[in-house]
Amino acid sequence: MRKGYPMDIIFALLLLLAFGSLCFFIRFCEIQTKDTRMIFLLVLSLIL
């Protein structure tokens, strides 16, 4: 990681947090409903 670029670190942390929460959300939805296609569409609609 380059020194003197705190924005890179903040961006990386935010990306990691978003990815982790997305994985947790997908896991939670898979427990609730076994339809992965619906989950995929839901995630796509959240992103867009």
Foldseek 3Di string as FASTA:
>chain_A
DDPPCVVVVVVVVVVVVVVVVLVVVLVVVCVVPVDSVVVVVVVVVVVD
